[in-house]
Amino acid sequence: MSIMVNLDVMMAKRKMSLGELAQKVDITMANLSILKNNKARAVRFSTLEAICKALDCQPGDILEFVPDGEEEP
């Protein structure tokens, strides 16, 4: 099983760049990029809350559970 981060999808829907979101959330672009590219092993609730506020979305719009064997390449 895996948790997929669909941050890039929400950013595209909101027409927001990585730099703009990083500034609004007060996180480095490098750390936000790690999250966006599904390389993060954890995310703080405070960070998730700030991202949801900045993108005006719910955590479920960003995080998705994908059962084993169904992961996208």
PDB file of N, CA and C in Angstrom:
ATOM      1  N   MET A   1       0.839  -1.182   0.000  1.00  0.00           N
ATOM      2  CA  MET A   1       0.000   0.000   0.000  1.00  0.00           C
ATOM      3  C   MET A   1       0.879   1.239   0.000  1.00  0.00           C
ATOM      4  N   SER A   2       0.304   2.314  -0.464  1.00  0.00           N
ATOM      5  CA  SER A   2       1.084   3.531  -0.609  1.00  0.00           C
ATOM      6  C   SER A   2       0.175   4.742  -0.505  1.00  0.00           C
ATOM      7  N   ILE A   3       0.730   5.812  -0.020  1.00  0.00           N
ATOM      8  CA  ILE A   3       0.032   7.089  -0.010  1.00  0.00           C
ATOM      9  C   ILE A   3       0.645   7.939  -1.115  1.00  0.00           C
ATOM     10  N   MET A   4      -0.170   8.356  -2.058  1.00  0.00           N
ATOM     11  CA  MET A   4       0.284   9.193  -3.162  1.00  0.00           C
ATOM     12  C   MET A   4      -0.048  10.648  -2.836  1.00  0.00           C
ATOM     13  N   VAL A   5       0.871  11.536  -3.158  1.00  0.00           N
ATOM     14  CA  VAL A   5       0.674  12.964  -2.934  1.00  0.00           C
ATOM     15  C   VAL A   5       0.349  13.607  -4.277  1.00  0.00           C
ATOM     16  N   ASN A   6      -0.847  14.150  -4.382  1.00  0.00           N
ATOM     17  CA  ASN A   6      -1.314  14.786  -5.613  1.00  0.00           C
ATOM     18  C   ASN A   6      -1.223  16.305  -5.522  1.00  0.00           C
ATOM     19  N   LEU A   7      -0.162  16.769  -4.927  1.00  0.00           N
ATOM     20  CA  LEU A   7       0.016  18.199  -4.728  1.00  0.00           C
ATOM     21  C   LEU A   7       0.103  18.948  -6.050  1.00  0.00           C
ATOM     22  N   ASP A   8       0.778  18.350  -7.021  1.00  0.00           N
ATOM     23  CA  ASP A   8       0.923  19.007  -8.332  1.00  0.00           C
ATOM     24  C   ASP A   8      -0.418  19.224  -9.010  1.00  0.00           C
ATOM     25  N   VAL A   9      -1.362  18.298  -8.803  1.00  0.00           N
ATOM     26  CA  VAL A   9      -2.696  18.432  -9.393  1.00  0.00           C
ATOM     27  C   VAL A   9      -3.423  19.634  -8.794  1.00  0.00           C
ATOM     28  N   MET A  10      -3.376  19.751  -7.455  1.00  0.00           N
ATOM     29  CA  MET A  10      -4.053  20.873  -6.795  1.00  0.00           C
ATOM     30  C   MET A  10      -3.386  22.197  -7.132  1.00  0.00           C
ATOM     31  N   MET A  11      -2.064  22.191  -7.244  1.00  0.00           N
ATOM     32  CA  MET A  11      -1.360  23.414  -7.603  1.00  0.00           C
ATOM     33  C   MET A  11      -1.765  23.855  -9.010  1.00  0.00           C
ATOM     34  N   ALA A  12      -1.903  22.917  -9.921  1.00  0.00           N
ATOM     35  CA  ALA A  12      -2.315  23.244 -11.291  1.00  0.00           C
ATOM     36  C   ALA A  12      -3.743  23.778 -11.309  1.00  0.00           C
ATOM     37  N   LYS A  13      -4.627  23.160 -10.525  1.00  0.00           N
ATOM     38  CA  LYS A  13      -6.022  23.623 -10.462  1.00  0.00           C
ATOM     39  C   LYS A  13      -6.115  25.053  -9.929  1.00  0.00           C
ATOM     40  N   ARG A  14      -5.223  25.386  -8.999  1.00  0.00           N
ATOM     41  CA  ARG A  14      -5.233  26.718  -8.387  1.00  0.00           C
ATOM     42  C   ARG A  14      -4.288  27.689  -9.107  1.00  0.00           C
ATOM     43  N   LYS A  15      -3.627  27.193 -10.157  1.00  0.00           N
ATOM     44  CA  LYS A  15      -2.678  27.999 -10.940  1.00  0.00           C
ATOM     45  C   LYS A  15      -1.629  28.640 -10.026  1.00  0.00           C
ATOM     46  N   MET A  16      -1.050  27.801  -9.172  1.00  0.00           N
ATOM     47  CA  MET A  16      -0.061  28.276  -8.211  1.00  0.00           C
ATOM     48  C   MET A  16       1.272  27.573  -8.469  1.00  0.00           C
ATOM     49  N   SER A  17       2.339  28.330  -8.478  1.00  0.00           N
ATOM     50  CA  SER A  17       3.669  27.770  -8.705  1.00  0.00           C
ATOM     51  C   SER A  17       4.218  27.191  -7.402  1.00  0.00           C
ATOM     52  N   LEU A  18       5.249  26.376  -7.543  1.00  0.00           N
ATOM     53  CA  LEU A  18       5.909  25.787  -6.385  1.00  0.00           C
ATOM     54  C   LEU A  18       6.481  26.880  -5.491  1.00  0.00           C
ATOM     55  N   GLY A  19       7.089  27.887  -6.097  1.00  0.00           N
ATOM     56  CA  GLY A  19       7.669  28.982  -5.328  1.00  0.00           C
ATOM     57  C   GLY A  19       6.627  29.775  -4.565  1.00  0.00           C
ATOM     58  N   GLU A  20       5.504  30.034  -5.216  1.00  0.00           N
ATOM     59  CA  GLU A  20       4.425  30.784  -4.570  1.00  0.00           C
ATOM     60  C   GLU A  20       3.853  30.009  -3.389  1.00  0.00           C
ATOM     61  N   LEU A  21       3.627  28.698  -3.591  1.00  0.00           N
ATOM     62  CA  LEU A  21       3.100  27.876  -2.501  1.00  0.00           C
ATOM     63  C   LEU A  21       4.111  27.777  -1.363  1.00  0.00           C
ATOM     64  N   ALA A  22       5.370  27.602  -1.695  1.00  0.00           N
ATOM     65  CA  ALA A  22       6.413  27.520  -0.664  1.00  0.00           C
ATOM     66  C   ALA A  22       6.425  28.779   0.188  1.00  0.00           C
ATOM     67  N   GLN A  23       6.274  29.924  -0.447  1.00  0.00           N
ATOM     68  CA  GLN A  23       6.260  31.189   0.284  1.00  0.00           C
ATOM     69  C   GLN A  23       5.029  31.293   1.180  1.00  0.00           C
ATOM     70  N   LYS A  24       3.862  30.909   0.667  1.00  0.00           N
ATOM     71  CA  LYS A  24       2.627  30.992   1.464  1.00  0.00           C
ATOM     72  C   LYS A  24       2.642  30.030   2.645  1.00  0.00           C
ATOM     73  N   VAL A  25       3.245  28.871   2.457  1.00  0.00           N
ATOM     74  CA  VAL A  25       3.263  27.844   3.496  1.00  0.00           C
ATOM     75  C   VAL A  25       4.460  28.011   4.431  1.00  0.00           C
ATOM     76  N   ASP A  26       5.425  28.817   4.017  1.00  0.00           N
ATOM     77  CA  ASP A  26       6.655  29.040   4.778  1.00  0.00           C
ATOM     78  C   ASP A  26       7.440  27.740   4.927  1.00  0.00           C
ATOM     79  N   ILE A  27       7.712  27.126   3.777  1.00  0.00           N
ATOM     80  CA  ILE A  27       8.497  25.898   3.689  1.00  0.00           C
ATOM     81  C   ILE A  27       9.473  26.085   2.534  1.00  0.00           C
ATOM     82  N   THR A  28      10.611  25.437   2.600  1.00  0.00           N
ATOM     83  CA  THR A  28      11.567  25.598   1.507  1.00  0.00           C
ATOM     84  C   THR A  28      11.036  24.937   0.233  1.00  0.00           C
ATOM     85  N   MET A  29      11.465  25.480  -0.897  1.00  0.00           N
ATOM     86  CA  MET A  29      11.056  24.882  -2.169  1.00  0.00           C
ATOM     87  C   MET A  29      11.573  23.451  -2.270  1.00  0.00           C
ATOM     88  N   ALA A  30      12.755  23.191  -1.720  1.00  0.00           N
ATOM     89  CA  ALA A  30      13.314  21.835  -1.762  1.00  0.00           C
ATOM     90  C   ALA A  30      12.422  20.845  -1.000  1.00  0.00           C
ATOM     91  N   ASN A  31      11.986  21.222   0.194  1.00  0.00           N
ATOM     92  CA  ASN A  31      11.126  20.336   0.977  1.00  0.00           C
ATOM     93  C   ASN A  31       9.753  20.176   0.342  1.00  0.00           C
ATOM     94  N   LEU A  32       9.221  21.235  -0.224  1.00  0.00           N
ATOM     95  CA  LEU A  32       7.930  21.148  -0.899  1.00  0.00           C
ATOM     96  C   LEU A  32       8.046  20.266  -2.150  1.00  0.00           C
ATOM     97  N   SER A  33       9.154  20.358  -2.834  1.00  0.00           N
ATOM     98  CA  SER A  33       9.403  19.535  -4.010  1.00  0.00           C
ATOM     99  C   SER A  33       9.474  18.057  -3.641  1.00  0.00           C
ATOM    100  N   ILE A  34      10.117  17.748  -2.528  1.00  0.00           N
ATOM    101  CA  ILE A  34      10.187  16.366  -2.040  1.00  0.00           C
ATOM    102  C   ILE A  34       8.780  15.837  -1.791  1.00  0.00           C
ATOM    103  N   LEU A  35       7.940  16.647  -1.183  1.00  0.00           N
ATOM    104  CA  LEU A  35       6.558  16.249  -0.929  1.00  0.00           C
ATOM    105  C   LEU A  35       5.799  16.076  -2.234  1.00  0.00           C
ATOM    106  N   LYS A  36       5.942  17.030  -3.131  1.00  0.00           N
ATOM    107  CA  LYS A  36       5.226  17.005  -4.410  1.00  0.00           C
ATOM    108  C   LYS A  36       5.595  15.791  -5.259  1.00  0.00           C
ATOM    109  N   ASN A  37       6.851  15.367  -5.171  1.00  0.00           N
ATOM    110  CA  ASN A  37       7.335  14.256  -5.990  1.00  0.00           C
ATOM    111  C   ASN A  37       7.233  12.900  -5.300  1.00  0.00           C
ATOM    112  N   ASN A  38       6.423  12.810  -4.256  1.00  0.00           N
ATOM    113  CA  ASN A  38       6.183  11.555  -3.534  1.00  0.00           C
ATOM    114  C   ASN A  38       7.449  10.950  -2.940  1.00  0.00           C
ATOM    115  N   LYS A  39       8.391  11.776  -2.541  1.00  0.00           N
ATOM    116  CA  LYS A  39       9.629  11.294  -1.934  1.00  0.00           C
ATOM    117  C   LYS A  39       9.621  11.456  -0.417  1.00  0.00           C
ATOM    118  N   ALA A  40       8.630  12.156   0.115  1.00  0.00           N
ATOM    119  CA  ALA A  40       8.559  12.400   1.559  1.00  0.00           C
ATOM    120  C   ALA A  40       8.125  11.138   2.292  1.00  0.00           C
ATOM    121  N   ARG A  41       8.693  10.936   3.460  1.00  0.00           N
ATOM    122  CA  ARG A  41       8.322   9.781   4.273  1.00  0.00           C
ATOM    123  C   ARG A  41       7.309  10.176   5.348  1.00  0.00           C
ATOM    124  N   ALA A  42       7.150  11.480   5.560  1.00  0.00           N
ATOM    125  CA  ALA A  42       6.211  11.978   6.566  1.00  0.00           C
ATOM    126  C   ALA A  42       5.876  13.429   6.249  1.00  0.00           C
ATOM    127  N   VAL A  43       4.753  13.879   6.786  1.00  0.00           N
ATOM    128  CA  VAL A  43       4.382  15.284   6.660  1.00  0.00           C
ATOM    129  C   VAL A  43       3.729  15.698   7.979  1.00  0.00           C
ATOM    130  N   ARG A  44       4.117  16.833   8.479  1.00  0.00           N
ATOM    131  CA  ARG A  44       3.525  17.340   9.724  1.00  0.00           C
ATOM    132  C   ARG A  44       2.102  17.822   9.444  1.00  0.00           C
ATOM    133  N   PHE A  45       1.233  17.625  10.410  1.00  0.00           N
ATOM    134  CA  PHE A  45      -0.134  18.112  10.263  1.00  0.00           C
ATOM    135  C   PHE A  45      -0.158  19.623  10.078  1.00  0.00           C
ATOM    136  N   SER A  46       0.752  20.332  10.750  1.00  0.00           N
ATOM    137  CA  SER A  46       0.785  21.785  10.609  1.00  0.00           C
ATOM    138  C   SER A  46       1.138  22.183   9.172  1.00  0.00           C
ATOM    139  N   THR A  47       2.023  21.422   8.540  1.00  0.00           N
ATOM    140  CA  THR A  47       2.382  21.689   7.140  1.00  0.00           C
ATOM    141  C   THR A  47       1.210  21.367   6.229  1.00  0.00           C
ATOM    142  N   LEU A  48       0.568  20.226   6.464  1.00  0.00           N
ATOM    143  CA  LEU A  48      -0.597  19.835   5.671  1.00  0.00           C
ATOM    144  C   LEU A  48      -1.717  20.864   5.815  1.00  0.00           C
ATOM    145  N   GLU A  49      -1.925  21.348   7.027  1.00  0.00           N
ATOM    146  CA  GLU A  49      -2.938  22.379   7.273  1.00  0.00           C
ATOM    147  C   GLU A  49      -2.617  23.658   6.498  1.00  0.00           C
ATOM    148  N   ALA A  50      -1.361  24.077   6.527  1.00  0.00           N
ATOM    149  CA  ALA A  50      -0.959  25.296   5.821  1.00  0.00           C
ATOM    150  C   ALA A  50      -1.118  25.138   4.308  1.00  0.00           C
ATOM    151  N   ILE A  51      -0.792  23.967   3.787  1.00  0.00           N
ATOM    152  CA  ILE A  51      -0.964  23.710   2.345  1.00  0.00           C
ATOM    153  C   ILE A  51      -2.441  23.757   1.983  1.00  0.00           C
ATOM    154  N   CYS A  52      -3.282  23.126   2.801  1.00  0.00           N
ATOM    155  CA  CYS A  52      -4.728  23.126   2.536  1.00  0.00           C
ATOM    156  C   CYS A  52      -5.299  24.542   2.584  1.00  0.00           C
ATOM    157  N   LYS A  53      -4.833  25.353   3.515  1.00  0.00           N
ATOM    158  CA  LYS A  53      -5.289  26.748   3.587  1.00  0.00           C
ATOM    159  C   LYS A  53      -4.859  27.513   2.342  1.00  0.00           C
ATOM    160  N   ALA A  54      -3.607  27.342   1.944  1.00  0.00           N
ATOM    161  CA  ALA A  54      -3.077  28.073   0.790  1.00  0.00           C
ATOM    162  C   ALA A  54      -3.766  27.660  -0.512  1.00  0.00           C
ATOM    163  N   LEU A  55      -4.114  26.379  -0.625  1.00  0.00           N
ATOM    164  CA  LEU A  55      -4.740  25.876  -1.858  1.00  0.00           C
ATOM    165  C   LEU A  55      -6.260  25.805  -1.764  1.00  0.00           C
ATOM    166  N   ASP A  56      -6.810  26.168  -0.602  1.00  0.00           N
ATOM    167  CA  ASP A  56      -8.253  26.114  -0.365  1.00  0.00           C
ATOM    168  C   ASP A  56      -8.803  24.736  -0.741  1.00  0.00           C
ATOM    169  N   CYS A  57      -8.272  23.716  -0.061  1.00  0.00           N
ATOM    170  CA  CYS A  57      -8.681  22.349  -0.357  1.00  0.00           C
ATOM    171  C   CYS A  57      -8.706  21.528   0.926  1.00  0.00           C
ATOM    172  N   GLN A  58      -9.068  20.270   0.796  1.00  0.00           N
ATOM    173  CA  GLN A  58      -9.099  19.329   1.908  1.00  0.00           C
ATOM    174  C   GLN A  58      -7.889  18.396   1.809  1.00  0.00           C
ATOM    175  N   PRO A  59      -7.451  17.794   2.922  1.00  0.00           N
ATOM    176  CA  PRO A  59      -6.321  16.865   2.863  1.00  0.00           C
ATOM    177  C   PRO A  59      -6.534  15.737   1.852  1.00  0.00           C
ATOM    178  N   GLY A  60      -7.771  15.278   1.712  1.00  0.00           N
ATOM    179  CA  GLY A  60      -8.085  14.219   0.750  1.00  0.00           C
ATOM    180  C   GLY A  60      -7.914  14.645  -0.699  1.00  0.00           C
ATOM    181  N   ASP A  61      -7.871  15.941  -0.944  1.00  0.00           N
ATOM    182  CA  ASP A  61      -7.606  16.427  -2.305  1.00  0.00           C
ATOM    183  C   ASP A  61      -6.124  16.276  -2.646  1.00  0.00           C
ATOM    184  N   ILE A  62      -5.290  16.169  -1.627  1.00  0.00           N
ATOM    185  CA  ILE A  62      -3.843  16.104  -1.815  1.00  0.00           C
ATOM    186  C   ILE A  62      -3.309  14.688  -1.611  1.00  0.00           C
ATOM    187  N   LEU A  63      -3.843  13.985  -0.614  1.00  0.00           N
ATOM    188  CA  LEU A  63      -3.360  12.651  -0.273  1.00  0.00           C
ATOM    189  C   LEU A  63      -4.336  11.586  -0.758  1.00  0.00           C
ATOM    190  N   GLU A  64      -3.787  10.506  -1.323  1.00  0.00           N
ATOM    191  CA  GLU A  64      -4.619   9.425  -1.862  1.00  0.00           C
ATOM    192  C   GLU A  64      -4.001   8.089  -1.478  1.00  0.00           C
ATOM    193  N   PHE A  65      -4.829   7.186  -0.980  1.00  0.00           N
ATOM    194  CA  PHE A  65      -4.387   5.831  -0.669  1.00  0.00           C
ATOM    195  C   PHE A  65      -4.461   4.986  -1.942  1.00  0.00           C
ATOM    196  N   VAL A  66      -3.370   4.296  -2.260  1.00  0.00           N
ATOM    197  CA  VAL A  66      -3.325   3.434  -3.432  1.00  0.00           C
ATOM    198  C   VAL A  66      -2.898   2.043  -2.960  1.00  0.00           C
ATOM    199  N   PRO A  67      -3.765   1.038  -3.103  1.00  0.00           N
ATOM    200  CA  PRO A  67      -3.415  -0.328  -2.678  1.00  0.00           C
ATOM    201  C   PRO A  67      -2.209  -0.869  -3.462  1.00  0.00           C
ATOM    202  N   ASP A  68      -1.557  -1.874  -2.904  1.00  0.00           N
ATOM    203  CA  ASP A  68      -0.398  -2.501  -3.563  1.00  0.00           C
ATOM    204  C   ASP A  68      -0.746  -2.938  -4.970  1.00  0.00           C
ATOM    205  N   GLY A  69       0.197  -2.748  -5.868  1.00  0.00           N
ATOM    206  CA  GLY A  69       0.031  -3.184  -7.250  1.00  0.00           C
ATOM    207  C   GLY A  69      -0.735  -2.236  -8.130  1.00  0.00           C
ATOM    208  N   GLU A  70      -1.257  -1.157  -7.567  1.00  0.00           N
ATOM    209  CA  GLU A  70      -2.041  -0.202  -8.345  1.00  0.00           C
ATOM    210  C   GLU A  70      -1.356   1.143  -8.480  1.00  0.00           C
ATOM    211  N   GLU A  71      -0.094   1.207  -8.075  1.00  0.00           N
ATOM    212  CA  GLU A  71       0.630   2.482  -8.122  1.00  0.00           C
ATOM    213  C   GLU A  71       0.940   2.864  -9.550  1.00  0.00           C
ATOM    214  N   GLU A  72       0.853   4.162  -9.814  1.00  0.00           N
ATOM    215  CA  GLU A  72       1.202   4.679 -11.142  1.00  0.00           C
ATOM    216  C   GLU A  72       2.712   4.752 -11.256  1.00  0.00           C
ATOM    217  N   PRO A  73       3.248   4.621 -12.464  1.00  0.00           N
ATOM    218  CA  PRO A  73       4.703   4.689 -12.633  1.00  0.00           C
ATOM    219  C   PRO A  73       5.268   6.044 -12.326  1.00  0.00           C
TER     220      PRO A  73
END
